[in-house]
Amino acid sequence: MSRLLLAAGALLMFSAAPDLRADVLLIERVEARPDVQLPRRGALMNQVEAQFGAPERKHAPVGGDRPQHPPITRWDYPQFSVYFEHNHVVNAVVHRALPTEKGPKPVSQEP
């Protein structure tokens, strides 16, 4: 009887799971493209600009009102965005190429 309940529970669990076959995770695309160059964590703003050129858009810093909230600045390039804490890179994120990908929208789709 317990095996029957386990089998029924497993069937319900898998049938209720959302169908994610159409989604392409952004990280899968990035891992499949090792030729994509991104700024390295810890690089300075002037180093990023020297290596990748001027960004398409420089956003004004947000935060910085308290030591616990340092100023975060975002620069947008055609293929990726770079996030700085003060003037050091903390992250770089590749933009979505397809609507089915999960991740940041390309710069051209932002208001």
PDB file of N, CA and C in Angstrom:
ATOM      1  N   MET A   1       0.816  -1.191   0.000  1.00  0.00           N
ATOM      2  CA  MET A   1       0.000   0.000   0.000  1.00  0.00           C
ATOM      3  C   MET A   1       0.867   1.266   0.000  1.00  0.00           C
ATOM      4  N   SER A   2       1.972   1.238   0.787  1.00  0.00           N
ATOM      5  CA  SER A   2       2.822   2.427   0.858  1.00  0.00           C
ATOM      6  C   SER A   2       3.511   2.693  -0.477  1.00  0.00           C
ATOM      7  N   ARG A   3       3.867   1.619  -1.224  1.00  0.00           N
ATOM      8  CA  ARG A   3       4.478   1.808  -2.547  1.00  0.00           C
ATOM      9  C   ARG A   3       3.495   2.465  -3.507  1.00  0.00           C
ATOM     10  N   LEU A   4       2.250   2.082  -3.397  1.00  0.00           N
ATOM     11  CA  LEU A   4       1.215   2.671  -4.242  1.00  0.00           C
ATOM     12  C   LEU A   4       1.054   4.152  -3.935  1.00  0.00           C
ATOM     13  N   LEU A   5       1.075   4.511  -2.670  1.00  0.00           N
ATOM     14  CA  LEU A   5       0.971   5.926  -2.283  1.00  0.00           C
ATOM     15  C   LEU A   5       2.186   6.723  -2.751  1.00  0.00           C
ATOM     16  N   LEU A   6       3.384   6.134  -2.633  1.00  0.00           N
ATOM     17  CA  LEU A   6       4.588   6.805  -3.107  1.00  0.00           C
ATOM     18  C   LEU A   6       4.545   7.017  -4.616  1.00  0.00           C
ATOM     19  N   ALA A   7       4.101   6.015  -5.342  1.00  0.00           N
ATOM     20  CA  ALA A   7       4.010   6.133  -6.796  1.00  0.00           C
ATOM     21  C   ALA A   7       2.985   7.185  -7.179  1.00  0.00           C
ATOM     22  N   ALA A   8       1.862   7.226  -6.506  1.00  0.00           N
ATOM     23  CA  ALA A   8       0.824   8.219  -6.795  1.00  0.00           C
ATOM     24  C   ALA A   8       1.321   9.618  -6.462  1.00  0.00           C
ATOM     25  N   GLY A   9       2.028   9.741  -5.351  1.00  0.00           N
ATOM     26  CA  GLY A   9       2.583  11.048  -4.970  1.00  0.00           C
ATOM     27  C   GLY A   9       3.607  11.541  -5.965  1.00  0.00           C
ATOM     28  N   ALA A  10       4.464  10.641  -6.434  1.00  0.00           N
ATOM     29  CA  ALA A  10       5.476  11.022  -7.426  1.00  0.00           C
ATOM     30  C   ALA A  10       4.812  11.436  -8.730  1.00  0.00           C
ATOM     31  N   LEU A  11       3.780  10.729  -9.132  1.00  0.00           N
ATOM     32  CA  LEU A  11       3.060  11.066 -10.358  1.00  0.00           C
ATOM     33  C   LEU A  11       2.429  12.450 -10.239  1.00  0.00           C
ATOM     34  N   LEU A  12       1.825  12.727  -9.113  1.00  0.00           N
ATOM     35  CA  LEU A  12       1.228  14.051  -8.900  1.00  0.00           C
ATOM     36  C   LEU A  12       2.288  15.143  -8.905  1.00  0.00           C
ATOM     37  N   MET A  13       3.413  14.876  -8.268  1.00  0.00           N
ATOM     38  CA  MET A  13       4.472  15.876  -8.194  1.00  0.00           C
ATOM     39  C   MET A  13       5.000  16.217  -9.585  1.00  0.00           C
ATOM     40  N   PHE A  14       5.246  15.211 -10.409  1.00  0.00           N
ATOM     41  CA  PHE A  14       5.792  15.465 -11.741  1.00  0.00           C
ATOM     42  C   PHE A  14       4.757  16.032 -12.694  1.00  0.00           C
ATOM     43  N   SER A  15       3.508  15.667 -12.520  1.00  0.00           N
ATOM     44  CA  SER A  15       2.481  16.208 -13.410  1.00  0.00           C
ATOM     45  C   SER A  15       2.155  17.652 -13.058  1.00  0.00           C
ATOM     46  N   ALA A  16       2.391  18.067 -11.816  1.00  0.00           N
ATOM     47  CA  ALA A  16       2.112  19.443 -11.402  1.00  0.00           C
ATOM     48  C   ALA A  16       3.288  20.372 -11.670  1.00  0.00           C
ATOM     49  N   ALA A  17       4.458  19.814 -11.987  1.00  0.00           N
ATOM     50  CA  ALA A  17       5.641  20.642 -12.245  1.00  0.00           C
ATOM     51  C   ALA A  17       5.438  21.433 -13.533  1.00  0.00           C
ATOM     52  N   PRO A  18       5.830  22.708 -13.541  1.00  0.00           N
ATOM     53  CA  PRO A  18       5.670  23.507 -14.760  1.00  0.00           C
ATOM     54  C   PRO A  18       6.577  22.997 -15.872  1.00  0.00           C
ATOM     55  N   ASP A  19       6.123  23.152 -17.097  1.00  0.00           N
ATOM     56  CA  ASP A  19       6.899  22.724 -18.253  1.00  0.00           C
ATOM     57  C   ASP A  19       7.889  23.825 -18.607  1.00  0.00           C
ATOM     58  N   LEU A  20       9.178  23.597 -18.353  1.00  0.00           N
ATOM     59  CA  LEU A  20      10.209  24.604 -18.567  1.00  0.00           C
ATOM     60  C   LEU A  20      11.084  24.290 -19.775  1.00  0.00           C
ATOM     61  N   ARG A  21      10.645  23.384 -20.610  1.00  0.00           N
ATOM     62  CA  ARG A  21      11.467  22.986 -21.747  1.00  0.00           C
ATOM     63  C   ARG A  21      11.748  24.138 -22.701  1.00  0.00           C
ATOM     64  N   ALA A  22      10.868  25.131 -22.786  1.00  0.00           N
ATOM     65  CA  ALA A  22      11.043  26.229 -23.736  1.00  0.00           C
ATOM     66  C   ALA A  22      12.010  27.289 -23.220  1.00  0.00           C
ATOM     67  N   ASP A  23      12.289  27.287 -21.932  1.00  0.00           N
ATOM     68  CA  ASP A  23      13.167  28.301 -21.367  1.00  0.00           C
ATOM     69  C   ASP A  23      14.634  27.981 -21.640  1.00  0.00           C
ATOM     70  N   VAL A  24      15.381  28.992 -22.012  1.00  0.00           N
ATOM     71  CA  VAL A  24      16.821  28.874 -22.172  1.00  0.00           C
ATOM     72  C   VAL A  24      17.435  29.753 -21.093  1.00  0.00           C
ATOM     73  N   LEU A  25      18.157  29.155 -20.192  1.00  0.00           N
ATOM     74  CA  LEU A  25      18.764  29.941 -19.139  1.00  0.00           C
ATOM     75  C   LEU A  25      19.930  30.743 -19.695  1.00  0.00           C
ATOM     76  N   LEU A  26      20.019  31.982 -19.273  1.00  0.00           N
ATOM     77  CA  LEU A  26      21.079  32.859 -19.723  1.00  0.00           C
ATOM     78  C   LEU A  26      22.446  32.266 -19.420  1.00  0.00           C
ATOM     79  N   ILE A  27      22.587  31.643 -18.269  1.00  0.00           N
ATOM     80  CA  ILE A  27      23.882  31.075 -17.899  1.00  0.00           C
ATOM     81  C   ILE A  27      24.293  29.972 -18.869  1.00  0.00           C
ATOM     82  N   GLU A  28      23.305  29.216 -19.418  1.00  0.00           N
ATOM     83  CA  GLU A  28      23.641  28.191 -20.394  1.00  0.00           C
ATOM     84  C   GLU A  28      24.238  28.819 -21.646  1.00  0.00           C
ATOM     85  N   ARG A  29      23.691  29.948 -22.091  1.00  0.00           N
ATOM     86  CA  ARG A  29      24.211  30.614 -23.280  1.00  0.00           C
ATOM     87  C   ARG A  29      25.609  31.153 -23.011  1.00  0.00           C
ATOM     88  N   VAL A  30      25.826  31.711 -21.832  1.00  0.00           N
ATOM     89  CA  VAL A  30      27.141  32.254 -21.496  1.00  0.00           C
ATOM     90  C   VAL A  30      28.165  31.138 -21.406  1.00  0.00           C
ATOM     91  N   GLU A  31      27.794  30.020 -20.782  1.00  0.00           N
ATOM     92  CA  GLU A  31      28.721  28.899 -20.678  1.00  0.00           C
ATOM     93  C   GLU A  31      29.029  28.305 -22.041  1.00  0.00           C
ATOM     94  N   ALA A  32      28.069  28.360 -22.955  1.00  0.00           N
ATOM     95  CA  ALA A  32      28.292  27.835 -24.304  1.00  0.00           C
ATOM     96  C   ALA A  32      29.145  28.787 -25.142  1.00  0.00           C
ATOM     97  N   ARG A  33      29.321  30.020 -24.680  1.00  0.00           N
ATOM     98  CA  ARG A  33      30.104  31.019 -25.410  1.00  0.00           C
ATOM     99  C   ARG A  33      31.266  31.503 -24.555  1.00  0.00           C
ATOM    100  N   PRO A  34      32.291  30.685 -24.394  1.00  0.00           N
ATOM    101  CA  PRO A  34      33.428  31.104 -23.571  1.00  0.00           C
ATOM    102  C   PRO A  34      34.192  32.275 -24.183  1.00  0.00           C
ATOM    103  N   ASP A  35      33.890  32.609 -25.451  1.00  0.00           N
ATOM    104  CA  ASP A  35      34.564  33.735 -26.091  1.00  0.00           C
ATOM    105  C   ASP A  35      34.001  35.083 -25.647  1.00  0.00           C
ATOM    106  N   VAL A  36      32.876  35.086 -24.922  1.00  0.00           N
ATOM    107  CA  VAL A  36      32.298  36.334 -24.432  1.00  0.00           C
ATOM    108  C   VAL A  36      33.199  36.878 -23.333  1.00  0.00           C
ATOM    109  N   GLN A  37      33.732  38.053 -23.557  1.00  0.00           N
ATOM    110  CA  GLN A  37      34.614  38.691 -22.580  1.00  0.00           C
ATOM    111  C   GLN A  37      33.806  39.635 -21.692  1.00  0.00           C
ATOM    112  N   LEU A  38      33.976  39.518 -20.397  1.00  0.00           N
ATOM    113  CA  LEU A  38      33.329  40.399 -19.427  1.00  0.00           C
ATOM    114  C   LEU A  38      34.404  41.006 -18.532  1.00  0.00           C
ATOM    115  N   PRO A  39      34.147  42.193 -18.004  1.00  0.00           N
ATOM    116  CA  PRO A  39      35.106  42.768 -17.047  1.00  0.00           C
ATOM    117  C   PRO A  39      35.251  41.842 -15.841  1.00  0.00           C
ATOM    118  N   ARG A  40      36.443  41.767 -15.323  1.00  0.00           N
ATOM    119  CA  ARG A  40      36.678  40.909 -14.160  1.00  0.00           C
ATOM    120  C   ARG A  40      36.320  41.651 -12.879  1.00  0.00           C
ATOM    121  N   ARG A  41      35.874  40.875 -11.905  1.00  0.00           N
ATOM    122  CA  ARG A  41      35.511  41.423 -10.601  1.00  0.00           C
ATOM    123  C   ARG A  41      36.729  42.103  -9.986  1.00  0.00           C
ATOM    124  N   GLY A  42      36.532  43.296  -9.448  1.00  0.00           N
ATOM    125  CA  GLY A  42      37.604  44.037  -8.810  1.00  0.00           C
ATOM    126  C   GLY A  42      38.285  45.048  -9.720  1.00  0.00           C
ATOM    127  N   ALA A  43      38.031  44.953 -11.034  1.00  0.00           N
ATOM    128  CA  ALA A  43      38.640  45.920 -11.960  1.00  0.00           C
ATOM    129  C   ALA A  43      38.104  47.322 -11.674  1.00  0.00           C
ATOM    130  N   LEU A  44      38.910  48.316 -11.968  1.00  0.00           N
ATOM    131  CA  LEU A  44      38.520  49.713 -11.763  1.00  0.00           C
ATOM    132  C   LEU A  44      37.761  50.233 -12.978  1.00  0.00           C
ATOM    133  N   MET A  45      36.963  51.281 -12.757  1.00  0.00           N
ATOM    134  CA  MET A  45      36.190  51.882 -13.848  1.00  0.00           C
ATOM    135  C   MET A  45      37.071  52.261 -15.031  1.00  0.00           C
ATOM    136  N   ASN A  46      38.219  52.901 -14.749  1.00  0.00           N
ATOM    137  CA  ASN A  46      39.073  53.324 -15.858  1.00  0.00           C
ATOM    138  C   ASN A  46      39.673  52.128 -16.605  1.00  0.00           C
ATOM    139  N   GLN A  47      39.887  50.999 -15.912  1.00  0.00           N
ATOM    140  CA  GLN A  47      40.371  49.795 -16.569  1.00  0.00           C
ATOM    141  C   GLN A  47      39.297  49.195 -17.488  1.00  0.00           C
ATOM    142  N   VAL A  48      38.050  49.209 -17.012  1.00  0.00           N
ATOM    143  CA  VAL A  48      36.939  48.694 -17.819  1.00  0.00           C
ATOM    144  C   VAL A  48      36.777  49.542 -19.074  1.00  0.00           C
ATOM    145  N   GLU A  49      36.820  50.863 -18.909  1.00  0.00           N
ATOM    146  CA  GLU A  49      36.657  51.742 -20.064  1.00  0.00           C
ATOM    147  C   GLU A  49      37.829  51.606 -21.037  1.00  0.00           C
ATOM    148  N   ALA A  50      39.029  51.399 -20.524  1.00  0.00           N
ATOM    149  CA  ALA A  50      40.188  51.219 -21.401  1.00  0.00           C
ATOM    150  C   ALA A  50      40.081  49.909 -22.185  1.00  0.00           C
ATOM    151  N   GLN A  51      39.553  48.860 -21.562  1.00  0.00           N
ATOM    152  CA  GLN A  51      39.465  47.559 -22.218  1.00  0.00           C
ATOM    153  C   GLN A  51      38.258  47.455 -23.151  1.00  0.00           C
ATOM    154  N   PHE A  52      37.101  47.996 -22.742  1.00  0.00           N
ATOM    155  CA  PHE A  52      35.858  47.790 -23.491  1.00  0.00           C
ATOM    156  C   PHE A  52      35.343  49.050 -24.176  1.00  0.00           C
ATOM    157  N   GLY A  53      36.000  50.172 -23.959  1.00  0.00           N
ATOM    158  CA  GLY A  53      35.541  51.430 -24.547  1.00  0.00           C
ATOM    159  C   GLY A  53      34.478  52.083 -23.686  1.00  0.00           C
ATOM    160  N   ALA A  54      33.980  53.207 -24.168  1.00  0.00           N
ATOM    161  CA  ALA A  54      32.953  53.932 -23.429  1.00  0.00           C
ATOM    162  C   ALA A  54      31.635  53.148 -23.486  1.00  0.00           C
ATOM    163  N   PRO A  55      30.918  53.076 -22.371  1.00  0.00           N
ATOM    164  CA  PRO A  55      29.630  52.378 -22.387  1.00  0.00           C
ATOM    165  C   PRO A  55      28.585  53.187 -23.154  1.00  0.00           C
ATOM    166  N   GLU A  56      27.528  52.497 -23.584  1.00  0.00           N
ATOM    167  CA  GLU A  56      26.425  53.184 -24.252  1.00  0.00           C
ATOM    168  C   GLU A  56      25.697  54.110 -23.287  1.00  0.00           C
ATOM    169  N   ARG A  57      25.655  53.692 -22.032  1.00  0.00           N
ATOM    170  CA  ARG A  57      24.948  54.495 -21.022  1.00  0.00           C
ATOM    171  C   ARG A  57      25.600  54.291 -19.669  1.00  0.00           C
ATOM    172  N   LYS A  58      25.769  55.392 -18.953  1.00  0.00           N
ATOM    173  CA  LYS A  58      26.249  55.357 -17.570  1.00  0.00           C
ATOM    174  C   LYS A  58      25.101  55.826 -16.689  1.00  0.00           C
ATOM    175  N   HIS A  59      24.646  54.942 -15.815  1.00  0.00           N
ATOM    176  CA  HIS A  59      23.563  55.289 -14.894  1.00  0.00           C
ATOM    177  C   HIS A  59      24.129  55.999 -13.672  1.00  0.00           C
ATOM    178  N   ALA A  60      23.350  56.888 -13.113  1.00  0.00           N
ATOM    179  CA  ALA A  60      23.758  57.586 -11.891  1.00  0.00           C
ATOM    180  C   ALA A  60      23.842  56.575 -10.747  1.00  0.00           C
ATOM    181  N   PRO A  61      24.760  56.786  -9.801  1.00  0.00           N
ATOM    182  CA  PRO A  61      24.864  55.863  -8.665  1.00  0.00           C
ATOM    183  C   PRO A  61      23.584  55.860  -7.835  1.00  0.00           C
ATOM    184  N   VAL A  62      23.268  54.706  -7.289  1.00  0.00           N
ATOM    185  CA  VAL A  62      22.164  54.583  -6.334  1.00  0.00           C
ATOM    186  C   VAL A  62      22.755  54.121  -5.016  1.00  0.00           C
ATOM    187  N   GLY A  63      22.071  54.460  -3.925  1.00  0.00           N
ATOM    188  CA  GLY A  63      22.589  54.113  -2.603  1.00  0.00           C
ATOM    189  C   GLY A  63      23.629  55.134  -2.179  1.00  0.00           C
ATOM    190  N   GLY A  64      24.526  54.720  -1.295  1.00  0.00           N
ATOM    191  CA  GLY A  64      25.569  55.600  -0.820  1.00  0.00           C
ATOM    192  C   GLY A  64      25.139  56.487   0.328  1.00  0.00           C
ATOM    193  N   ASP A  65      23.896  56.314   0.787  1.00  0.00           N
ATOM    194  CA  ASP A  65      23.403  57.150   1.869  1.00  0.00           C
ATOM    195  C   ASP A  65      23.919  56.723   3.236  1.00  0.00           C
ATOM    196  N   ARG A  66      24.389  55.471   3.336  1.00  0.00           N
ATOM    197  CA  ARG A  66      24.939  54.951   4.590  1.00  0.00           C
ATOM    198  C   ARG A  66      26.080  54.003   4.270  1.00  0.00           C
ATOM    199  N   PRO A  67      26.966  53.767   5.223  1.00  0.00           N
ATOM    200  CA  PRO A  67      28.061  52.821   4.972  1.00  0.00           C
ATOM    201  C   PRO A  67      27.566  51.420   4.599  1.00  0.00           C
ATOM    202  N   GLN A  68      26.383  51.018   5.105  1.00  0.00           N
ATOM    203  CA  GLN A  68      25.837  49.703   4.781  1.00  0.00           C
ATOM    204  C   GLN A  68      25.290  49.661   3.354  1.00  0.00           C
ATOM    205  N   HIS A  69      25.089  50.828   2.734  1.00  0.00           N
ATOM    206  CA  HIS A  69      24.551  50.920   1.374  1.00  0.00           C
ATOM    207  C   HIS A  69      25.522  51.709   0.502  1.00  0.00           C
ATOM    208  N   PRO A  70      26.599  51.071   0.046  1.00  0.00           N
ATOM    209  CA  PRO A  70      27.574  51.809  -0.771  1.00  0.00           C
ATOM    210  C   PRO A  70      26.952  52.203  -2.111  1.00  0.00           C
ATOM    211  N   PRO A  71      27.489  53.225  -2.755  1.00  0.00           N
ATOM    212  CA  PRO A  71      26.958  53.615  -4.056  1.00  0.00           C
ATOM    213  C   PRO A  71      27.223  52.528  -5.102  1.00  0.00           C
ATOM    214  N   ILE A  72      26.178  52.184  -5.837  1.00  0.00           N
ATOM    215  CA  ILE A  72      26.269  51.196  -6.912  1.00  0.00           C
ATOM    216  C   ILE A  72      25.971  51.910  -8.225  1.00  0.00           C
ATOM    217  N   THR A  73      26.869  51.770  -9.183  1.00  0.00           N
ATOM    218  CA  THR A  73      26.738  52.399 -10.497  1.00  0.00           C
ATOM    219  C   THR A  73      26.650  51.304 -11.549  1.00  0.00           C
ATOM    220  N   ARG A  74      25.827  51.527 -12.578  1.00  0.00           N
ATOM    221  CA  ARG A  74      25.703  50.563 -13.677  1.00  0.00           C
ATOM    222  C   ARG A  74      26.097  51.213 -14.992  1.00  0.00           C
ATOM    223  N   TRP A  75      26.913  50.498 -15.744  1.00  0.00           N
ATOM    224  CA  TRP A  75      27.263  50.896 -17.108  1.00  0.00           C
ATOM    225  C   TRP A  75      26.687  49.861 -18.048  1.00  0.00           C
ATOM    226  N   ASP A  76      26.034  50.324 -19.117  1.00  0.00           N
ATOM    227  CA  ASP A  76      25.460  49.423 -20.111  1.00  0.00           C
ATOM    228  C   ASP A  76      26.291  49.418 -21.384  1.00  0.00           C
ATOM    229  N   TYR A  77      26.670  48.221 -21.796  1.00  0.00           N
ATOM    230  CA  TYR A  77      27.333  47.975 -23.073  1.00  0.00           C
ATOM    231  C   TYR A  77      26.339  47.204 -23.945  1.00  0.00           C
ATOM    232  N   PRO A  78      26.567  47.079 -25.244  1.00  0.00           N
ATOM    233  CA  PRO A  78      25.601  46.383 -26.098  1.00  0.00           C
ATOM    234  C   PRO A  78      25.286  44.947 -25.659  1.00  0.00           C
ATOM    235  N   GLN A  79      26.271  44.210 -25.190  1.00  0.00           N
ATOM    236  CA  GLN A  79      26.068  42.804 -24.840  1.00  0.00           C
ATOM    237  C   GLN A  79      25.956  42.531 -23.344  1.00  0.00           C
ATOM    238  N   PHE A  80      26.339  43.481 -22.507  1.00  0.00           N
ATOM    239  CA  PHE A  80      26.353  43.230 -21.067  1.00  0.00           C
ATOM    240  C   PHE A  80      26.252  44.538 -20.289  1.00  0.00           C
ATOM    241  N   SER A  81      25.986  44.406 -18.987  1.00  0.00           N
ATOM    242  CA  SER A  81      26.004  45.537 -18.059  1.00  0.00           C
ATOM    243  C   SER A  81      27.027  45.247 -16.976  1.00  0.00           C
ATOM    244  N   VAL A  82      27.663  46.302 -16.495  1.00  0.00           N
ATOM    245  CA  VAL A  82      28.675  46.181 -15.449  1.00  0.00           C
ATOM    246  C   VAL A  82      28.186  46.953 -14.227  1.00  0.00           C
ATOM    247  N   TYR A  83      28.314  46.343 -13.054  1.00  0.00           N
ATOM    248  CA  TYR A  83      27.908  46.968 -11.799  1.00  0.00           C
ATOM    249  C   TYR A  83      29.152  47.260 -10.970  1.00  0.00           C
ATOM    250  N   PHE A  84      29.237  48.492 -10.501  1.00  0.00           N
ATOM    251  CA  PHE A  84      30.376  48.945  -9.709  1.00  0.00           C
ATOM    252  C   PHE A  84      29.928  49.308  -8.300  1.00  0.00           C
ATOM    253  N   GLU A  85      30.736  48.962  -7.322  1.00  0.00           N
ATOM    254  CA  GLU A  85      30.592  49.482  -5.966  1.00  0.00           C
ATOM    255  C   GLU A  85      31.731  50.466  -5.802  1.00  0.00           C
ATOM    256  N   HIS A  86      31.389  51.729  -5.551  1.00  0.00           N
ATOM    257  CA  HIS A  86      32.345  52.822  -5.647  1.00  0.00           C
ATOM    258  C   HIS A  86      32.909  52.784  -7.070  1.00  0.00           C
ATOM    259  N   ASN A  87      34.172  52.457  -7.279  1.00  0.00           N
ATOM    260  CA  ASN A  87      34.647  52.383  -8.664  1.00  0.00           C
ATOM    261  C   ASN A  87      35.267  51.023  -8.991  1.00  0.00           C
ATOM    262  N   HIS A  88      34.862  49.986  -8.246  1.00  0.00           N
ATOM    263  CA  HIS A  88      35.334  48.619  -8.489  1.00  0.00           C
ATOM    264  C   HIS A  88      34.193  47.756  -9.033  1.00  0.00           C
ATOM    265  N   VAL A  89      34.496  46.905 -10.018  1.00  0.00           N
ATOM    266  CA  VAL A  89      33.495  45.983 -10.571  1.00  0.00           C
ATOM    267  C   VAL A  89      33.101  44.973  -9.495  1.00  0.00           C
ATOM    268  N   VAL A  90      31.788  44.835  -9.283  1.00  0.00           N
ATOM    269  CA  VAL A  90      31.287  43.783  -8.398  1.00  0.00           C
ATOM    270  C   VAL A  90      30.601  42.684  -9.192  1.00  0.00           C
ATOM    271  N   ASN A  91      30.129  43.016 -10.418  1.00  0.00           N
ATOM    272  CA  ASN A  91      29.490  42.008 -11.250  1.00  0.00           C
ATOM    273  C   ASN A  91      29.363  42.522 -12.676  1.00  0.00           C
ATOM    274  N   ALA A  92      29.299  41.594 -13.621  1.00  0.00           N
ATOM    275  CA  ALA A  92      29.015  41.898 -15.024  1.00  0.00           C
ATOM    276  C   ALA A  92      28.018  40.853 -15.495  1.00  0.00           C
ATOM    277  N   VAL A  93      26.961  41.316 -16.173  1.00  0.00           N
ATOM    278  CA  VAL A  93      25.853  40.448 -16.543  1.00  0.00           C
ATOM    279  C   VAL A  93      25.586  40.550 -18.039  1.00  0.00           C
ATOM    280  N   VAL A  94      25.543  39.409 -18.724  1.00  0.00           N
ATOM    281  CA  VAL A  94      25.232  39.369 -20.147  1.00  0.00           C
ATOM    282  C   VAL A  94      23.736  39.609 -20.326  1.00  0.00           C
ATOM    283  N   HIS A  95      23.363  40.391 -21.347  1.00  0.00           N
ATOM    284  CA  HIS A  95      21.954  40.661 -21.633  1.00  0.00           C
ATOM    285  C   HIS A  95      21.293  39.474 -22.314  1.00  0.00           C
ATOM    286  N   ARG A  96      19.979  39.429 -22.222  1.00  0.00           N
ATOM    287  CA  ARG A  96      19.205  38.398 -22.915  1.00  0.00           C
ATOM    288  C   ARG A  96      19.318  38.588 -24.419  1.00  0.00           C
ATOM    289  N   ALA A  97      19.376  37.488 -25.141  1.00  0.00           N
ATOM    290  CA  ALA A  97      19.376  37.548 -26.602  1.00  0.00           C
ATOM    291  C   ALA A  97      18.019  37.132 -27.162  1.00  0.00           C
ATOM    292  N   LEU A  98      17.299  36.308 -26.415  1.00  0.00           N
ATOM    293  CA  LEU A  98      15.998  35.804 -26.852  1.00  0.00           C
ATOM    294  C   LEU A  98      14.955  36.038 -25.767  1.00  0.00           C
ATOM    295  N   PRO A  99      13.688  36.213 -26.128  1.00  0.00           N
ATOM    296  CA  PRO A  99      12.641  36.418 -25.119  1.00  0.00           C
ATOM    297  C   PRO A  99      12.480  35.239 -24.169  1.00  0.00           C
ATOM    298  N   THR A 100      12.874  34.032 -24.590  1.00  0.00           N
ATOM    299  CA  THR A 100      12.712  32.851 -23.737  1.00  0.00           C
ATOM    300  C   THR A 100      13.816  32.713 -22.706  1.00  0.00           C
ATOM    301  N   GLU A 101      14.857  33.530 -22.795  1.00  0.00           N
ATOM    302  CA  GLU A 101      15.942  33.453 -21.817  1.00  0.00           C
ATOM    303  C   GLU A 101      15.551  34.167 -20.531  1.00  0.00           C
ATOM    304  N   LYS A 102      16.117  33.699 -19.457  1.00  0.00           N
ATOM    305  CA  LYS A 102      15.942  34.351 -18.161  1.00  0.00           C
ATOM    306  C   LYS A 102      17.158  35.220 -17.926  1.00  0.00           C
ATOM    307  N   GLY A 103      16.955  36.476 -17.586  1.00  0.00           N
ATOM    308  CA  GLY A 103      18.073  37.367 -17.346  1.00  0.00           C
ATOM    309  C   GLY A 103      17.719  38.784 -17.739  1.00  0.00           C
ATOM    310  N   PRO A 104      18.655  39.726 -17.613  1.00  0.00           N
ATOM    311  CA  PRO A 104      18.382  41.121 -17.931  1.00  0.00           C
ATOM    312  C   PRO A 104      18.021  41.317 -19.399  1.00  0.00           C
ATOM    313  N   LYS A 105      17.104  42.251 -19.641  1.00  0.00           N
ATOM    314  CA  LYS A 105      16.722  42.579 -21.014  1.00  0.00           C
ATOM    315  C   LYS A 105      17.859  43.342 -21.676  1.00  0.00           C
ATOM    316  N   PRO A 106      17.960  43.251 -23.002  1.00  0.00           N
ATOM    317  CA  PRO A 106      18.957  44.063 -23.708  1.00  0.00           C
ATOM    318  C   PRO A 106      18.689  45.541 -23.467  1.00  0.00           C
ATOM    319  N   VAL A 107      19.726  46.330 -23.535  1.00  0.00           N
ATOM    320  CA  VAL A 107      19.627  47.766 -23.266  1.00  0.00           C
ATOM    321  C   VAL A 107      18.593  48.417 -24.165  1.00  0.00           C
ATOM    322  N   SER A 108      18.506  47.996 -25.427  1.00  0.00           N
ATOM    323  CA  SER A 108      17.599  48.630 -26.380  1.00  0.00           C
ATOM    324  C   SER A 108      16.140  48.476 -25.997  1.00  0.00           C
ATOM    325  N   GLN A 109      15.788  47.508 -25.128  1.00  0.00           N
ATOM    326  CA  GLN A 109      14.404  47.300 -24.715  1.00  0.00           C
ATOM    327  C   GLN A 109      14.049  48.061 -23.452  1.00  0.00           C
ATOM    328  N   GLU A 110      15.006  48.700 -22.824  1.00  0.00           N
ATOM    329  CA  GLU A 110      14.731  49.447 -21.592  1.00  0.00           C
ATOM    330  C   GLU A 110      14.173  50.805 -21.931  1.00  0.00           C
ATOM    331  N   PRO A 111      13.295  51.352 -21.055  1.00  0.00           N
ATOM    332  CA  PRO A 111      12.759  52.698 -21.325  1.00  0.00           C
ATOM    333  C   PRO A 111      13.798  53.772 -21.193  1.00  0.00           C
TER     334      PRO A 111
END
